[in-house]
Amino acid sequence: MGIEGNETADELADAGANEGRMDDDRSAEPTISGIGTTVRALADAATSDWWSRCLTGLSASYRKWGLGYSIAEPPELRLPRTLLHQLLAARTAHGDFAQYHRRFGPHRR
């Protein structure tokens, strides 16, 4: 036989664990912060699902870059303009138009 107080405490703990919440206070209701967290998680999941579906329709040359989808400003936009130009030319396979214009521009007619 155990200690009388411990036996009672064990019985109450077992009853509480089996019955769930025993009080109906406001702490059982969702908070604005909790709702916001849930909404952001659902929006992120929906965006990821959408991007996964869109990615299959993109060209192989674009998919090889392994770029994700984000509405945040990409760090590439902080590059100096000349480097950004070269990066975009490489990603899009459009080449260097400055070189093209020097070679075939209007002064060559």
PDB file of N, CA and C in Angstrom:
ATOM      1  N   MET A   1       0.851  -1.177   0.000  1.00  0.00           N
ATOM      2  CA  MET A   1       0.000   0.000   0.000  1.00  0.00           C
ATOM      3  C   MET A   1       0.892   1.233   0.000  1.00  0.00           C
ATOM      4  N   GLY A   2       0.549   2.207  -0.835  1.00  0.00           N
ATOM      5  CA  GLY A   2       1.357   3.404  -0.971  1.00  0.00           C
ATOM      6  C   GLY A   2       0.956   4.487   0.002  1.00  0.00           C
ATOM      7  N   ILE A   3       1.524   5.617  -0.208  1.00  0.00           N
ATOM      8  CA  ILE A   3       1.229   6.778   0.628  1.00  0.00           C
ATOM      9  C   ILE A   3      -0.123   7.337   0.196  1.00  0.00           C
ATOM     10  N   GLU A   4      -0.968   7.677   1.180  1.00  0.00           N
ATOM     11  CA  GLU A   4      -2.350   8.092   0.914  1.00  0.00           C
ATOM     12  C   GLU A   4      -2.425   9.283  -0.039  1.00  0.00           C
ATOM     13  N   GLY A   5      -1.645  10.306   0.140  1.00  0.00           N
ATOM     14  CA  GLY A   5      -1.682  11.486  -0.732  1.00  0.00           C
ATOM     15  C   GLY A   5      -1.241  11.176  -2.153  1.00  0.00           C
ATOM     16  N   ASN A   6      -0.242  10.311  -2.280  1.00  0.00           N
ATOM     17  CA  ASN A   6       0.252   9.943  -3.606  1.00  0.00           C
ATOM     18  C   ASN A   6      -0.779   9.130  -4.384  1.00  0.00           C
ATOM     19  N   GLU A   7      -1.475   8.245  -3.694  1.00  0.00           N
ATOM     20  CA  GLU A   7      -2.511   7.438  -4.348  1.00  0.00           C
ATOM     21  C   GLU A   7      -3.619   8.330  -4.907  1.00  0.00           C
ATOM     22  N   THR A   8      -4.033   9.312  -4.129  1.00  0.00           N
ATOM     23  CA  THR A   8      -5.082  10.237  -4.571  1.00  0.00           C
ATOM     24  C   THR A   8      -4.596  11.070  -5.754  1.00  0.00           C
ATOM     25  N   ALA A   9      -3.354  11.536  -5.668  1.00  0.00           N
ATOM     26  CA  ALA A   9      -2.789  12.332  -6.762  1.00  0.00           C
ATOM     27  C   ALA A   9      -2.694  11.505  -8.035  1.00  0.00           C
ATOM     28  N   ASP A  10      -2.287  10.256  -7.918  1.00  0.00           N
ATOM     29  CA  ASP A  10      -2.201   9.378  -9.086  1.00  0.00           C
ATOM     30  C   ASP A  10      -3.570   9.151  -9.718  1.00  0.00           C
ATOM     31  N   GLU A  11      -4.586   8.963  -8.886  1.00  0.00           N
ATOM     32  CA  GLU A  11      -5.939   8.758  -9.402  1.00  0.00           C
ATOM     33  C   GLU A  11      -6.438   9.998 -10.140  1.00  0.00           C
ATOM     34  N   LEU A  12      -6.182  11.187  -9.569  1.00  0.00           N
ATOM     35  CA  LEU A  12      -6.607  12.430 -10.228  1.00  0.00           C
ATOM     36  C   LEU A  12      -5.849  12.653 -11.536  1.00  0.00           C
ATOM     37  N   ALA A  13      -4.561  12.338 -11.534  1.00  0.00           N
ATOM     38  CA  ALA A  13      -3.762  12.494 -12.755  1.00  0.00           C
ATOM     39  C   ALA A  13      -4.258  11.552 -13.843  1.00  0.00           C
ATOM     40  N   ASP A  14      -4.551  10.312 -13.478  1.00  0.00           N
ATOM     41  CA  ASP A  14      -5.077   9.354 -14.457  1.00  0.00           C
ATOM     42  C   ASP A  14      -6.422   9.814 -15.015  1.00  0.00           C
ATOM     43  N   ALA A  15      -7.281  10.318 -14.146  1.00  0.00           N
ATOM     44  CA  ALA A  15      -8.598  10.792 -14.591  1.00  0.00           C
ATOM     45  C   ALA A  15      -8.448  11.975 -15.536  1.00  0.00           C
ATOM     46  N   GLY A  16      -7.547  12.891 -15.208  1.00  0.00           N
ATOM     47  CA  GLY A  16      -7.330  14.057 -16.069  1.00  0.00           C
ATOM     48  C   GLY A  16      -6.753  13.678 -17.414  1.00  0.00           C
ATOM     49  N   ALA A  17      -5.837  12.723 -17.432  1.00  0.00           N
ATOM     50  CA  ALA A  17      -5.226  12.291 -18.689  1.00  0.00           C
ATOM     51  C   ALA A  17      -6.234  11.577 -19.576  1.00  0.00           C
ATOM     52  N   ASN A  18      -7.147  10.861 -18.971  1.00  0.00           N
ATOM     53  CA  ASN A  18      -8.132  10.102 -19.749  1.00  0.00           C
ATOM     54  C   ASN A  18      -9.300  10.955 -20.220  1.00  0.00           C
ATOM     55  N   GLU A  19      -9.597  12.030 -19.529  1.00  0.00           N
ATOM     56  CA  GLU A  19     -10.764  12.847 -19.866  1.00  0.00           C
ATOM     57  C   GLU A  19     -10.424  14.082 -20.687  1.00  0.00           C
ATOM     58  N   GLY A  20      -9.168  14.406 -20.864  1.00  0.00           N
ATOM     59  CA  GLY A  20      -8.797  15.609 -21.604  1.00  0.00           C
ATOM     60  C   GLY A  20      -8.880  16.826 -20.718  1.00  0.00           C
ATOM     61  N   ARG A  21      -9.187  17.982 -21.301  1.00  0.00           N
ATOM     62  CA  ARG A  21      -9.253  19.228 -20.521  1.00  0.00           C
ATOM     63  C   ARG A  21     -10.439  19.183 -19.578  1.00  0.00           C
ATOM     64  N   MET A  22     -10.192  19.634 -18.366  1.00  0.00           N
ATOM     65  CA  MET A  22     -11.260  19.640 -17.371  1.00  0.00           C
ATOM     66  C   MET A  22     -11.791  21.043 -17.126  1.00  0.00           C
ATOM     67  N   ASP A  23     -11.099  22.066 -17.629  1.00  0.00           N
ATOM     68  CA  ASP A  23     -11.559  23.436 -17.409  1.00  0.00           C
ATOM     69  C   ASP A  23     -11.956  24.055 -18.747  1.00  0.00           C
ATOM     70  N   ASP A  24     -12.836  25.010 -18.704  1.00  0.00           N
ATOM     71  CA  ASP A  24     -13.306  25.685 -19.914  1.00  0.00           C
ATOM     72  C   ASP A  24     -12.887  27.150 -19.892  1.00  0.00           C
ATOM     73  N   ASP A  25     -11.625  27.408 -19.633  1.00  0.00           N
ATOM     74  CA  ASP A  25     -11.171  28.796 -19.592  1.00  0.00           C
ATOM     75  C   ASP A  25     -10.782  29.274 -20.990  1.00  0.00           C
ATOM     76  N   ARG A  26     -10.445  30.548 -21.095  1.00  0.00           N
ATOM     77  CA  ARG A  26     -10.127  31.146 -22.394  1.00  0.00           C
ATOM     78  C   ARG A  26      -8.822  30.622 -22.979  1.00  0.00           C
ATOM     79  N   SER A  27      -7.989  29.982 -22.161  1.00  0.00           N
ATOM     80  CA  SER A  27      -6.727  29.477 -22.702  1.00  0.00           C
ATOM     81  C   SER A  27      -6.949  28.333 -23.689  1.00  0.00           C
ATOM     82  N   ALA A  28      -8.143  27.778 -23.717  1.00  0.00           N
ATOM     83  CA  ALA A  28      -8.444  26.706 -24.662  1.00  0.00           C
ATOM     84  C   ALA A  28      -8.786  27.253 -26.048  1.00  0.00           C
ATOM     85  N   GLU A  29      -9.007  28.565 -26.168  1.00  0.00           N
ATOM     86  CA  GLU A  29      -9.372  29.170 -27.448  1.00  0.00           C
ATOM     87  C   GLU A  29      -8.113  29.542 -28.230  1.00  0.00           C
ATOM     88  N   PRO A  30      -8.198  29.574 -29.555  1.00  0.00           N
ATOM     89  CA  PRO A  30      -7.024  29.955 -30.351  1.00  0.00           C
ATOM     90  C   PRO A  30      -6.699  31.437 -30.164  1.00  0.00           C
ATOM     91  N   THR A  31      -5.419  31.755 -30.268  1.00  0.00           N
ATOM     92  CA  THR A  31      -4.984  33.148 -30.157  1.00  0.00           C
ATOM     93  C   THR A  31      -4.790  33.729 -31.553  1.00  0.00           C
ATOM     94  N   ILE A  32      -4.724  35.038 -31.629  1.00  0.00           N
ATOM     95  CA  ILE A  32      -4.480  35.698 -32.917  1.00  0.00           C
ATOM     96  C   ILE A  32      -3.130  35.264 -33.465  1.00  0.00           C
ATOM     97  N   SER A  33      -2.139  35.194 -32.600  1.00  0.00           N
ATOM     98  CA  SER A  33      -0.811  34.760 -33.021  1.00  0.00           C
ATOM     99  C   SER A  33      -0.843  33.323 -33.542  1.00  0.00           C
ATOM    100  N   GLY A  34      -1.556  32.454 -32.839  1.00  0.00           N
ATOM    101  CA  GLY A  34      -1.655  31.063 -33.276  1.00  0.00           C
ATOM    102  C   GLY A  34      -2.371  30.922 -34.605  1.00  0.00           C
ATOM    103  N   ILE A  35      -3.416  31.718 -34.792  1.00  0.00           N
ATOM    104  CA  ILE A  35      -4.145  31.698 -36.069  1.00  0.00           C
ATOM    105  C   ILE A  35      -3.229  32.172 -37.189  1.00  0.00           C
ATOM    106  N   GLY A  36      -2.461  33.238 -36.932  1.00  0.00           N
ATOM    107  CA  GLY A  36      -1.526  33.746 -37.939  1.00  0.00           C
ATOM    108  C   GLY A  36      -0.479  32.715 -38.312  1.00  0.00           C
ATOM    109  N   THR A  37       0.034  32.013 -37.316  1.00  0.00           N
ATOM    110  CA  THR A  37       1.022  30.963 -37.574  1.00  0.00           C
ATOM    111  C   THR A  37       0.423  29.862 -38.441  1.00  0.00           C
ATOM    112  N   THR A  38      -0.800  29.470 -38.134  1.00  0.00           N
ATOM    113  CA  THR A  38      -1.473  28.426 -38.915  1.00  0.00           C
ATOM    114  C   THR A  38      -1.724  28.890 -40.346  1.00  0.00           C
ATOM    115  N   VAL A  39      -2.164  30.132 -40.506  1.00  0.00           N
ATOM    116  CA  VAL A  39      -2.434  30.671 -41.845  1.00  0.00           C
ATOM    117  C   VAL A  39      -1.152  30.729 -42.666  1.00  0.00           C
ATOM    118  N   ARG A  40      -0.055  31.192 -42.063  1.00  0.00           N
ATOM    119  CA  ARG A  40       1.216  31.251 -42.793  1.00  0.00           C
ATOM    120  C   ARG A  40       1.682  29.860 -43.208  1.00  0.00           C
ATOM    121  N   ALA A  41       1.525  28.893 -42.317  1.00  0.00           N
ATOM    122  CA  ALA A  41       1.926  27.519 -42.647  1.00  0.00           C
ATOM    123  C   ALA A  41       1.082  26.965 -43.796  1.00  0.00           C
ATOM    124  N   LEU A  42      -0.227  27.225 -43.772  1.00  0.00           N
ATOM    125  CA  LEU A  42      -1.099  26.765 -44.859  1.00  0.00           C
ATOM    126  C   LEU A  42      -0.759  27.463 -46.173  1.00  0.00           C
ATOM    127  N   ALA A  43      -0.477  28.765 -46.114  1.00  0.00           N
ATOM    128  CA  ALA A  43      -0.114  29.510 -47.326  1.00  0.00           C
ATOM    129  C   ALA A  43       1.206  29.003 -47.891  1.00  0.00           C
ATOM    130  N   ASP A  44       2.184  28.739 -47.032  1.00  0.00           N
ATOM    131  CA  ASP A  44       3.465  28.206 -47.501  1.00  0.00           C
ATOM    132  C   ASP A  44       3.286  26.839 -48.153  1.00  0.00           C
ATOM    133  N   ALA A  45       2.449  25.999 -47.554  1.00  0.00           N
ATOM    134  CA  ALA A  45       2.198  24.670 -48.127  1.00  0.00           C
ATOM    135  C   ALA A  45       1.495  24.787 -49.481  1.00  0.00           C
ATOM    136  N   ALA A  46       0.525  25.696 -49.587  1.00  0.00           N
ATOM    137  CA  ALA A  46      -0.190  25.889 -50.859  1.00  0.00           C
ATOM    138  C   ALA A  46       0.756  26.415 -51.932  1.00  0.00           C
ATOM    139  N   THR A  47       1.641  27.338 -51.563  1.00  0.00           N
ATOM    140  CA  THR A  47       2.607  27.885 -52.517  1.00  0.00           C
ATOM    141  C   THR A  47       3.566  26.803 -52.988  1.00  0.00           C
ATOM    142  N   SER A  48       4.049  25.980 -52.074  1.00  0.00           N
ATOM    143  CA  SER A  48       4.955  24.888 -52.447  1.00  0.00           C
ATOM    144  C   SER A  48       4.271  23.902 -53.384  1.00  0.00           C
ATOM    145  N   ASP A  49       3.025  23.569 -53.095  1.00  0.00           N
ATOM    146  CA  ASP A  49       2.280  22.660 -53.972  1.00  0.00           C
ATOM    147  C   ASP A  49       2.094  23.262 -55.358  1.00  0.00           C
ATOM    148  N   TRP A  50       1.741  24.553 -55.407  1.00  0.00           N
ATOM    149  CA  TRP A  50       1.548  25.230 -56.690  1.00  0.00           C
ATOM    150  C   TRP A  50       2.843  25.230 -57.489  1.00  0.00           C
ATOM    151  N   TRP A  51       3.971  25.556 -56.834  1.00  0.00           N
ATOM    152  CA  TRP A  51       5.250  25.615 -57.541  1.00  0.00           C
ATOM    153  C   TRP A  51       5.650  24.227 -58.035  1.00  0.00           C
ATOM    154  N   SER A  52       5.367  23.199 -57.255  1.00  0.00           N
ATOM    155  CA  SER A  52       5.685  21.834 -57.691  1.00  0.00           C
ATOM    156  C   SER A  52       4.916  21.479 -58.954  1.00  0.00           C
ATOM    157  N   ARG A  53       3.655  21.897 -59.027  1.00  0.00           N
ATOM    158  CA  ARG A  53       2.854  21.624 -60.232  1.00  0.00           C
ATOM    159  C   ARG A  53       3.360  22.446 -61.415  1.00  0.00           C
ATOM    160  N   CYS A  54       3.722  23.703 -61.202  1.00  0.00           N
ATOM    161  CA  CYS A  54       4.200  24.565 -62.290  1.00  0.00           C
ATOM    162  C   CYS A  54       5.562  24.120 -62.802  1.00  0.00           C
ATOM    163  N   LEU A  55       6.392  23.625 -61.908  1.00  0.00           N
ATOM    164  CA  LEU A  55       7.758  23.264 -62.265  1.00  0.00           C
ATOM    165  C   LEU A  55       7.798  22.192 -63.339  1.00  0.00           C
ATOM    166  N   THR A  56       6.821  21.295 -63.342  1.00  0.00           N
ATOM    167  CA  THR A  56       6.819  20.223 -64.336  1.00  0.00           C
ATOM    168  C   THR A  56       6.581  20.759 -65.743  1.00  0.00           C
ATOM    169  N   GLY A  57       5.941  21.921 -65.874  1.00  0.00           N
ATOM    170  CA  GLY A  57       5.669  22.486 -67.187  1.00  0.00           C
ATOM    171  C   GLY A  57       6.780  23.373 -67.723  1.00  0.00           C
ATOM    172  N   LEU A  58       7.816  23.602 -66.938  1.00  0.00           N
ATOM    173  CA  LEU A  58       8.906  24.469 -67.375  1.00  0.00           C
ATOM    174  C   LEU A  58       9.905  23.696 -68.222  1.00  0.00           C
ATOM    175  N   SER A  59      10.669  24.423 -69.005  1.00  0.00           N
ATOM    176  CA  SER A  59      11.641  23.784 -69.884  1.00  0.00           C
ATOM    177  C   SER A  59      12.762  23.138 -69.073  1.00  0.00           C
ATOM    178  N   ALA A  60      13.401  22.163 -69.671  1.00  0.00           N
ATOM    179  CA  ALA A  60      14.502  21.461 -69.002  1.00  0.00           C
ATOM    180  C   ALA A  60      15.660  22.407 -68.728  1.00  0.00           C
ATOM    181  N   SER A  61      15.887  23.367 -69.635  1.00  0.00           N
ATOM    182  CA  SER A  61      16.996  24.301 -69.428  1.00  0.00           C
ATOM    183  C   SER A  61      16.743  25.212 -68.233  1.00  0.00           C
ATOM    184  N   TYR A  62      15.475  25.491 -67.933  1.00  0.00           N
ATOM    185  CA  TYR A  62      15.160  26.297 -66.748  1.00  0.00           C
ATOM    186  C   TYR A  62      15.220  25.437 -65.489  1.00  0.00           C
ATOM    187  N   ARG A  63      14.698  24.229 -65.572  1.00  0.00           N
ATOM    188  CA  ARG A  63      14.678  23.350 -64.393  1.00  0.00           C
ATOM    189  C   ARG A  63      16.074  22.994 -63.921  1.00  0.00           C
ATOM    190  N   LYS A  64      17.046  22.965 -64.841  1.00  0.00           N
ATOM    191  CA  LYS A  64      18.400  22.559 -64.448  1.00  0.00           C
ATOM    192  C   LYS A  64      19.009  23.513 -63.428  1.00  0.00           C
ATOM    193  N   TRP A  65      18.507  24.737 -63.351  1.00  0.00           N
ATOM    194  CA  TRP A  65      19.031  25.694 -62.381  1.00  0.00           C
ATOM    195  C   TRP A  65      18.549  25.385 -60.972  1.00  0.00           C
ATOM    196  N   GLY A  66      17.495  24.613 -60.834  1.00  0.00           N
ATOM    197  CA  GLY A  66      17.002  24.231 -59.512  1.00  0.00           C
ATOM    198  C   GLY A  66      16.519  25.410 -58.684  1.00  0.00           C
ATOM    199  N   LEU A  67      15.911  26.381 -59.338  1.00  0.00           N
ATOM    200  CA  LEU A  67      15.451  27.575 -58.634  1.00  0.00           C
ATOM    201  C   LEU A  67      14.124  27.310 -57.950  1.00  0.00           C
ATOM    202  N   GLY A  68      14.001  27.767 -56.742  1.00  0.00           N
ATOM    203  CA  GLY A  68      12.746  27.660 -56.016  1.00  0.00           C
ATOM    204  C   GLY A  68      11.888  28.883 -56.265  1.00  0.00           C
ATOM    205  N   TYR A  69      10.715  28.889 -55.686  1.00  0.00           N
ATOM    206  CA  TYR A  69       9.803  30.019 -55.822  1.00  0.00           C
ATOM    207  C   TYR A  69       9.779  30.790 -54.516  1.00  0.00           C
ATOM    208  N   SER A  70       9.940  32.090 -54.602  1.00  0.00           N
ATOM    209  CA  SER A  70       9.888  32.935 -53.412  1.00  0.00           C
ATOM    210  C   SER A  70       9.428  34.319 -53.833  1.00  0.00           C
ATOM    211  N   ILE A  71       8.597  34.935 -52.995  1.00  0.00           N
ATOM    212  CA  ILE A  71       8.166  36.293 -53.306  1.00  0.00           C
ATOM    213  C   ILE A  71       9.096  37.314 -52.671  1.00  0.00           C
ATOM    214  N   ALA A  72      10.065  36.841 -51.905  1.00  0.00           N
ATOM    215  CA  ALA A  72      11.045  37.743 -51.304  1.00  0.00           C
ATOM    216  C   ALA A  72      12.053  38.172 -52.368  1.00  0.00           C
ATOM    217  N   GLU A  73      12.681  39.303 -52.144  1.00  0.00           N
ATOM    218  CA  GLU A  73      13.684  39.798 -53.080  1.00  0.00           C
ATOM    219  C   GLU A  73      14.871  38.844 -53.096  1.00  0.00           C
ATOM    220  N   PRO A  74      15.236  38.330 -54.272  1.00  0.00           N
ATOM    221  CA  PRO A  74      16.375  37.414 -54.320  1.00  0.00           C
ATOM    222  C   PRO A  74      17.685  38.175 -54.103  1.00  0.00           C
ATOM    223  N   PRO A  75      18.672  37.534 -53.512  1.00  0.00           N
ATOM    224  CA  PRO A  75      19.942  38.218 -53.261  1.00  0.00           C
ATOM    225  C   PRO A  75      20.656  38.634 -54.547  1.00  0.00           C
ATOM    226  N   GLU A  76      20.316  37.995 -55.674  1.00  0.00           N
ATOM    227  CA  GLU A  76      20.952  38.353 -56.940  1.00  0.00           C
ATOM    228  C   GLU A  76      20.701  39.813 -57.317  1.00  0.00           C
ATOM    229  N   LEU A  77      19.579  40.375 -56.870  1.00  0.00           N
ATOM    230  CA  LEU A  77      19.264  41.756 -57.234  1.00  0.00           C
ATOM    231  C   LEU A  77      20.189  42.759 -56.557  1.00  0.00           C
ATOM    232  N   ARG A  78      20.966  42.311 -55.590  1.00  0.00           N
ATOM    233  CA  ARG A  78      21.931  43.196 -54.938  1.00  0.00           C
ATOM    234  C   ARG A  78      23.282  43.201 -55.661  1.00  0.00           C
ATOM    235  N   LEU A  79      23.407  42.382 -56.699  1.00  0.00           N
ATOM    236  CA  LEU A  79      24.650  42.345 -57.468  1.00  0.00           C
ATOM    237  C   LEU A  79      24.812  43.635 -58.265  1.00  0.00           C
ATOM    238  N   PRO A  80      26.047  44.003 -58.575  1.00  0.00           N
ATOM    239  CA  PRO A  80      26.243  45.135 -59.491  1.00  0.00           C
ATOM    240  C   PRO A  80      25.570  44.833 -60.829  1.00  0.00           C
ATOM    241  N   ARG A  81      25.141  45.864 -61.491  1.00  0.00           N
ATOM    242  CA  ARG A  81      24.343  45.703 -62.713  1.00  0.00           C
ATOM    243  C   ARG A  81      25.043  44.860 -63.778  1.00  0.00           C
ATOM    244  N   THR A  82      26.346  45.028 -63.940  1.00  0.00           N
ATOM    245  CA  THR A  82      27.057  44.258 -64.969  1.00  0.00           C
ATOM    246  C   THR A  82      27.066  42.767 -64.640  1.00  0.00           C
ATOM    247  N   LEU A  83      27.250  42.429 -63.364  1.00  0.00           N
ATOM    248  CA  LEU A  83      27.223  41.019 -62.975  1.00  0.00           C
ATOM    249  C   LEU A  83      25.818  40.441 -63.098  1.00  0.00           C
ATOM    250  N   LEU A  84      24.813  41.234 -62.712  1.00  0.00           N
ATOM    251  CA  LEU A  84      23.433  40.773 -62.842  1.00  0.00           C
ATOM    252  C   LEU A  84      23.098  40.511 -64.306  1.00  0.00           C
ATOM    253  N   HIS A  85      23.564  41.380 -65.188  1.00  0.00           N
ATOM    254  CA  HIS A  85      23.344  41.192 -66.627  1.00  0.00           C
ATOM    255  C   HIS A  85      23.925  39.856 -67.086  1.00  0.00           C
ATOM    256  N   GLN A  86      25.149  39.563 -66.674  1.00  0.00           N
ATOM    257  CA  GLN A  86      25.791  38.314 -67.087  1.00  0.00           C
ATOM    258  C   GLN A  86      25.065  37.095 -66.514  1.00  0.00           C
ATOM    259  N   LEU A  87      24.624  37.212 -65.265  1.00  0.00           N
ATOM    260  CA  LEU A  87      23.889  36.107 -64.648  1.00  0.00           C
ATOM    261  C   LEU A  87      22.575  35.849 -65.384  1.00  0.00           C
ATOM    262  N   LEU A  88      21.827  36.911 -65.676  1.00  0.00           N
ATOM    263  CA  LEU A  88      20.551  36.746 -66.377  1.00  0.00           C
ATOM    264  C   LEU A  88      20.759  36.221 -67.792  1.00  0.00           C
ATOM    265  N   ALA A  89      21.810  36.681 -68.454  1.00  0.00           N
ATOM    266  CA  ALA A  89      22.105  36.185 -69.795  1.00  0.00           C
ATOM    267  C   ALA A  89      22.425  34.693 -69.754  1.00  0.00           C
ATOM    268  N   ALA A  90      23.152  34.263 -68.740  1.00  0.00           N
ATOM    269  CA  ALA A  90      23.488  32.839 -68.623  1.00  0.00           C
ATOM    270  C   ALA A  90      22.249  32.015 -68.289  1.00  0.00           C
ATOM    271  N   ARG A  91      21.417  32.515 -67.382  1.00  0.00           N
ATOM    272  CA  ARG A  91      20.224  31.759 -66.975  1.00  0.00           C
ATOM    273  C   ARG A  91      19.211  31.628 -68.103  1.00  0.00           C
ATOM    274  N   THR A  92      19.057  32.669 -68.892  1.00  0.00           N
ATOM    275  CA  THR A  92      18.040  32.646 -69.941  1.00  0.00           C
ATOM    276  C   THR A  92      18.572  32.160 -71.279  1.00  0.00           C
ATOM    277  N   ALA A  93      19.884  31.992 -71.377  1.00  0.00           N
ATOM    278  CA  ALA A  93      20.551  31.571 -72.616  1.00  0.00           C
ATOM    279  C   ALA A  93      20.303  32.551 -73.751  1.00  0.00           C
ATOM    280  N   HIS A  94      20.125  33.825 -73.416  1.00  0.00           N
ATOM    281  CA  HIS A  94      19.931  34.842 -74.439  1.00  0.00           C
ATOM    282  C   HIS A  94      21.233  35.483 -74.883  1.00  0.00           C
ATOM    283  N   GLY A  95      22.305  35.218 -74.209  1.00  0.00           N
ATOM    284  CA  GLY A  95      23.595  35.722 -74.635  1.00  0.00           C
ATOM    285  C   GLY A  95      23.842  37.162 -74.233  1.00  0.00           C
ATOM    286  N   ASP A  96      24.956  37.673 -74.707  1.00  0.00           N
ATOM    287  CA  ASP A  96      25.401  39.018 -74.364  1.00  0.00           C
ATOM    288  C   ASP A  96      25.013  39.972 -75.493  1.00  0.00           C
ATOM    289  N   PHE A  97      23.965  40.760 -75.282  1.00  0.00           N
ATOM    290  CA  PHE A  97      23.487  41.653 -76.333  1.00  0.00           C
ATOM    291  C   PHE A  97      24.443  42.803 -76.596  1.00  0.00           C
ATOM    292  N   ALA A  98      25.223  43.211 -75.604  1.00  0.00           N
ATOM    293  CA  ALA A  98      26.190  44.288 -75.831  1.00  0.00           C
ATOM    294  C   ALA A  98      27.204  43.851 -76.880  1.00  0.00           C
ATOM    295  N   GLN A  99      27.682  42.635 -76.768  1.00  0.00           N
ATOM    296  CA  GLN A  99      28.624  42.111 -77.750  1.00  0.00           C
ATOM    297  C   GLN A  99      27.954  42.014 -79.124  1.00  0.00           C
ATOM    298  N   TYR A 100      26.700  41.594 -79.158  1.00  0.00           N
ATOM    299  CA  TYR A 100      25.956  41.493 -80.408  1.00  0.00           C
ATOM    300  C   TYR A 100      25.850  42.864 -81.083  1.00  0.00           C
ATOM    301  N   HIS A 101      25.495  43.890 -80.301  1.00  0.00           N
ATOM    302  CA  HIS A 101      25.342  45.226 -80.882  1.00  0.00           C
ATOM    303  C   HIS A 101      26.675  45.802 -81.338  1.00  0.00           C
ATOM    304  N   ARG A 102      27.745  45.507 -80.629  1.00  0.00           N
ATOM    305  CA  ARG A 102      29.059  45.971 -81.095  1.00  0.00           C
ATOM    306  C   ARG A 102      29.414  45.298 -82.419  1.00  0.00           C
ATOM    307  N   ARG A 103      29.028  44.058 -82.547  1.00  0.00           N
ATOM    308  CA  ARG A 103      29.403  43.300 -83.736  1.00  0.00           C
ATOM    309  C   ARG A 103      28.481  43.565 -84.922  1.00  0.00           C
ATOM    310  N   PHE A 104      27.154  43.645 -84.661  1.00  0.00           N
ATOM    311  CA  PHE A 104      26.190  43.750 -85.758  1.00  0.00           C
ATOM    312  C   PHE A 104      25.329  45.003 -85.674  1.00  0.00           C
ATOM    313  N   GLY A 105      25.694  45.966 -84.867  1.00  0.00           N
ATOM    314  CA  GLY A 105      24.872  47.144 -84.631  1.00  0.00           C
ATOM    315  C   GLY A 105      24.647  47.983 -85.879  1.00  0.00           C
ATOM    316  N   PRO A 106      23.886  49.087 -85.731  1.00  0.00           N
ATOM    317  CA  PRO A 106      23.524  49.913 -86.891  1.00  0.00           C
ATOM    318  C   PRO A 106      24.724  50.540 -87.595  1.00  0.00           C
ATOM    319  N   HIS A 107      25.836  50.718 -86.908  1.00  0.00           N
ATOM    320  CA  HIS A 107      27.009  51.316 -87.549  1.00  0.00           C
ATOM    321  C   HIS A 107      27.644  50.376 -88.573  1.00  0.00           C
ATOM    322  N   ARG A 108      27.253  49.112 -88.617  1.00  0.00           N
ATOM    323  CA  ARG A 108      27.820  48.124 -89.536  1.00  0.00           C
ATOM    324  C   ARG A 108      27.116  48.101 -90.884  1.00  0.00           C
ATOM    325  N   ARG A 109      26.127  48.910 -91.094  1.00  0.00           N
ATOM    326  CA  ARG A 109      25.354  48.848 -92.349  1.00  0.00           C
ATOM    327  C   ARG A 109      26.093  49.395 -93.507  1.00  0.00           C
TER     328      ARG A 109
END
